[in-house]
Amino acid sequence: MAGFFSQITTDDVWERGTAFGSPERVVTQMKRFIHQVRIGGLEHKKVMQSMGLFAKYVMPALREEEAKMESATAAV
């Protein structure tokens, strides 16, 4: 598995929708995300509600998972 991850480039990560880098770059990526979420004709209110739930529930769970992964990597 380590060999797989060592072959991933910054461009690979960027193209798959990960937002990282300068604040300007992250804003650009998040604007794309917002437009993608609107596909299907969702009302702005529903999009904002969905993003709020994502921030409240999903992001903390992802942060927790990231911390576990960092701990496991540090232990190796």
N, C-alpha and C. Protein backbone atom coordinates (compact mmCIF):
# COMPACT_ATOMS: atom_id res chain seq x y z
N MET A 1 0.83 -1.20 0.00
CA MET A 1 0.00 0.00 0.00
C MET A 1 0.87 1.25 0.00
N ALA A 2 2.00 1.24 0.70
CA ALA A 2 2.86 2.41 0.75
C ALA A 2 3.34 2.78 -0.65
N GLY A 3 3.61 1.79 -1.49
CA GLY A 3 4.04 2.05 -2.85
C GLY A 3 2.99 2.80 -3.64
N PHE A 4 1.73 2.45 -3.43
CA PHE A 4 0.63 3.14 -4.11
C PHE A 4 0.61 4.61 -3.74
N PHE A 5 0.68 4.91 -2.45
CA PHE A 5 0.60 6.29 -2.01
C PHE A 5 1.83 7.10 -2.43
N SER A 6 2.96 6.47 -2.55
CA SER A 6 4.16 7.21 -2.95
C SER A 6 4.09 7.62 -4.42
N GLN A 7 3.19 7.01 -5.19
CA GLN A 7 3.06 7.34 -6.60
C GLN A 7 2.03 8.45 -6.86
N ILE A 8 1.25 8.83 -5.85
CA ILE A 8 0.24 9.86 -6.02
C ILE A 8 0.91 11.23 -6.05
N THR A 9 0.57 12.01 -7.05
CA THR A 9 1.14 13.35 -7.18
C THR A 9 0.17 14.39 -6.63
N THR A 10 0.67 15.60 -6.44
CA THR A 10 -0.17 16.71 -6.01
C THR A 10 -1.29 16.94 -7.01
N ASP A 11 -0.98 16.85 -8.29
CA ASP A 11 -2.01 17.03 -9.32
C ASP A 11 -3.10 15.96 -9.22
N ASP A 12 -2.71 14.72 -8.91
CA ASP A 12 -3.71 13.65 -8.74
C ASP A 12 -4.69 14.01 -7.63
N VAL A 13 -4.16 14.47 -6.52
CA VAL A 13 -5.00 14.83 -5.38
C VAL A 13 -5.90 16.01 -5.74
N TRP A 14 -5.34 17.02 -6.37
CA TRP A 14 -6.11 18.21 -6.76
C TRP A 14 -7.25 17.85 -7.70
N GLU A 15 -6.96 17.00 -8.68
CA GLU A 15 -7.97 16.63 -9.68
C GLU A 15 -9.12 15.83 -9.07
N ARG A 16 -8.88 15.17 -7.98
CA ARG A 16 -9.92 14.35 -7.36
C ARG A 16 -10.78 15.15 -6.38
N GLY A 17 -10.60 16.46 -6.33
CA GLY A 17 -11.49 17.30 -5.55
C GLY A 17 -11.01 17.65 -4.15
N THR A 18 -9.79 17.34 -3.83
CA THR A 18 -9.28 17.70 -2.52
C THR A 18 -8.91 19.17 -2.53
N ALA A 19 -9.33 19.90 -1.52
CA ALA A 19 -9.04 21.32 -1.43
C ALA A 19 -7.85 21.54 -0.48
N PHE A 20 -6.76 22.01 -1.04
CA PHE A 20 -5.59 22.32 -0.23
C PHE A 20 -4.80 23.40 -0.94
N GLY A 21 -3.90 24.02 -0.22
CA GLY A 21 -3.06 25.06 -0.82
C GLY A 21 -3.37 26.42 -0.25
N SER A 22 -3.16 27.43 -1.05
CA SER A 22 -3.39 28.80 -0.61
C SER A 22 -4.88 29.03 -0.38
N PRO A 23 -5.22 30.03 0.41
CA PRO A 23 -6.64 30.33 0.61
C PRO A 23 -7.36 30.56 -0.72
N GLU A 24 -6.71 31.22 -1.66
CA GLU A 24 -7.33 31.49 -2.95
C GLU A 24 -7.64 30.19 -3.69
N ARG A 25 -6.70 29.25 -3.63
CA ARG A 25 -6.89 27.96 -4.31
C ARG A 25 -8.04 27.18 -3.68
N VAL A 26 -8.11 27.19 -2.34
CA VAL A 26 -9.19 26.48 -1.65
C VAL A 26 -10.54 27.12 -1.97
N VAL A 27 -10.59 28.45 -2.00
CA VAL A 27 -11.84 29.13 -2.35
C VAL A 27 -12.30 28.71 -3.74
N THR A 28 -11.37 28.68 -4.69
CA THR A 28 -11.70 28.27 -6.05
C THR A 28 -12.28 26.86 -6.07
N GLN A 29 -11.64 25.95 -5.34
CA GLN A 29 -12.12 24.56 -5.30
C GLN A 29 -13.49 24.47 -4.64
N MET A 30 -13.69 25.21 -3.57
CA MET A 30 -14.98 25.14 -2.87
C MET A 30 -16.09 25.76 -3.72
N LYS A 31 -15.78 26.78 -4.51
CA LYS A 31 -16.78 27.35 -5.42
C LYS A 31 -17.21 26.31 -6.44
N ARG A 32 -16.25 25.53 -6.94
CA ARG A 32 -16.60 24.45 -7.88
C ARG A 32 -17.51 23.44 -7.20
N PHE A 33 -17.18 23.12 -5.95
CA PHE A 33 -17.98 22.16 -5.18
C PHE A 33 -19.42 22.66 -5.03
N ILE A 34 -19.58 23.93 -4.70
CA ILE A 34 -20.91 24.50 -4.51
C ILE A 34 -21.71 24.39 -5.80
N HIS A 35 -21.07 24.68 -6.92
CA HIS A 35 -21.77 24.58 -8.20
C HIS A 35 -22.14 23.13 -8.53
N GLN A 36 -21.28 22.20 -8.17
CA GLN A 36 -21.57 20.80 -8.41
C GLN A 36 -22.74 20.33 -7.55
N VAL A 37 -22.81 20.81 -6.34
CA VAL A 37 -23.89 20.43 -5.43
C VAL A 37 -25.24 20.88 -6.00
N ARG A 38 -25.24 21.97 -6.73
CA ARG A 38 -26.49 22.52 -7.27
C ARG A 38 -27.01 21.72 -8.46
N ILE A 39 -26.22 20.80 -8.97
CA ILE A 39 -26.70 19.98 -10.09
C ILE A 39 -27.94 19.23 -9.63
N GLY A 40 -28.94 19.24 -10.45
CA GLY A 40 -30.19 18.61 -10.09
C GLY A 40 -31.23 19.61 -9.63
N GLY A 41 -30.87 20.89 -9.63
CA GLY A 41 -31.83 21.95 -9.33
C GLY A 41 -32.15 22.14 -7.87
N LEU A 42 -31.26 21.77 -6.98
CA LEU A 42 -31.51 22.00 -5.56
C LEU A 42 -31.60 23.49 -5.27
N GLU A 43 -32.52 23.86 -4.41
CA GLU A 43 -32.66 25.25 -3.99
C GLU A 43 -31.43 25.64 -3.16
N HIS A 44 -31.11 26.92 -3.21
CA HIS A 44 -29.96 27.44 -2.46
C HIS A 44 -30.09 27.09 -0.97
N LYS A 45 -31.30 27.24 -0.43
CA LYS A 45 -31.54 26.96 0.99
C LYS A 45 -31.17 25.51 1.33
N LYS A 46 -31.55 24.58 0.46
CA LYS A 46 -31.25 23.17 0.71
C LYS A 46 -29.76 22.87 0.57
N VAL A 47 -29.12 23.55 -0.36
CA VAL A 47 -27.67 23.39 -0.52
C VAL A 47 -26.97 23.86 0.75
N MET A 48 -27.39 25.03 1.24
CA MET A 48 -26.77 25.58 2.45
C MET A 48 -27.02 24.68 3.66
N GLN A 49 -28.22 24.12 3.74
CA GLN A 49 -28.54 23.20 4.83
C GLN A 49 -27.64 21.97 4.75
N SER A 50 -27.48 21.45 3.55
CA SER A 50 -26.63 20.28 3.36
C SER A 50 -25.18 20.58 3.75
N MET A 51 -24.70 21.74 3.33
CA MET A 51 -23.32 22.12 3.67
C MET A 51 -23.17 22.30 5.18
N GLY A 52 -24.20 22.84 5.83
CA GLY A 52 -24.16 22.99 7.29
C GLY A 52 -24.08 21.64 8.00
N LEU A 53 -24.86 20.69 7.53
CA LEU A 53 -24.81 19.34 8.11
C LEU A 53 -23.45 18.69 7.86
N PHE A 54 -22.91 18.92 6.67
CA PHE A 54 -21.57 18.40 6.34
C PHE A 54 -20.54 18.95 7.32
N ALA A 55 -20.59 20.27 7.53
CA ALA A 55 -19.64 20.91 8.44
C ALA A 55 -19.81 20.43 9.88
N LYS A 56 -21.05 20.24 10.30
CA LYS A 56 -21.33 19.87 11.69
C LYS A 56 -21.03 18.41 12.00
N TYR A 57 -21.33 17.52 11.06
CA TYR A 57 -21.22 16.09 11.36
C TYR A 57 -20.11 15.37 10.60
N VAL A 58 -19.98 15.66 9.33
CA VAL A 58 -19.02 14.92 8.51
C VAL A 58 -17.59 15.38 8.77
N MET A 59 -17.37 16.69 8.77
CA MET A 59 -16.01 17.19 8.95
C MET A 59 -15.38 16.75 10.28
N PRO A 60 -16.10 16.82 11.40
CA PRO A 60 -15.49 16.33 12.64
C PRO A 60 -15.12 14.85 12.58
N ALA A 61 -15.96 14.04 11.94
CA ALA A 61 -15.66 12.62 11.81
C ALA A 61 -14.42 12.41 10.95
N LEU A 62 -14.29 13.21 9.89
CA LEU A 62 -13.11 13.10 9.04
C LEU A 62 -11.85 13.56 9.77
N ARG A 63 -11.98 14.62 10.56
CA ARG A 63 -10.82 15.08 11.37
C ARG A 63 -10.38 13.99 12.34
N GLU A 64 -11.36 13.33 12.95
CA GLU A 64 -11.04 12.25 13.89
C GLU A 64 -10.32 11.11 13.18
N GLU A 65 -10.81 10.76 12.00
CA GLU A 65 -10.17 9.70 11.23
C GLU A 65 -8.75 10.09 10.81
N GLU A 66 -8.59 11.34 10.42
CA GLU A 66 -7.26 11.82 10.04
C GLU A 66 -6.29 11.74 11.22
N ALA A 67 -6.76 12.11 12.41
CA ALA A 67 -5.92 12.03 13.60
C ALA A 67 -5.51 10.59 13.88
N LYS A 68 -6.42 9.65 13.70
CA LYS A 68 -6.10 8.23 13.89
C LYS A 68 -5.03 7.79 12.88
N MET A 69 -5.18 8.23 11.63
CA MET A 69 -4.22 7.85 10.60
C MET A 69 -2.85 8.45 10.90
N GLU A 70 -2.82 9.69 11.36
CA GLU A 70 -1.55 10.32 11.70
C GLU A 70 -0.88 9.60 12.87
N SER A 71 -1.67 9.21 13.87
CA SER A 71 -1.13 8.47 15.01
C SER A 71 -0.54 7.14 14.57
N ALA A 72 -1.26 6.45 13.69
CA ALA A 72 -0.78 5.16 13.20
C ALA A 72 0.50 5.33 12.40
N THR A 73 0.58 6.37 11.59
CA THR A 73 1.77 6.63 10.78
C THR A 73 2.95 7.00 11.65
N ALA A 74 2.70 7.80 12.69
CA ALA A 74 3.78 8.21 13.60
C ALA A 74 4.34 7.03 14.38
N ALA A 75 3.50 6.05 14.64
CA ALA A 75 3.92 4.89 15.41
C ALA A 75 4.81 3.94 14.59
N VAL A 76 4.76 4.08 13.28
CA VAL A 76 5.52 3.17 12.41
C VAL A 76 6.96 3.55 12.33
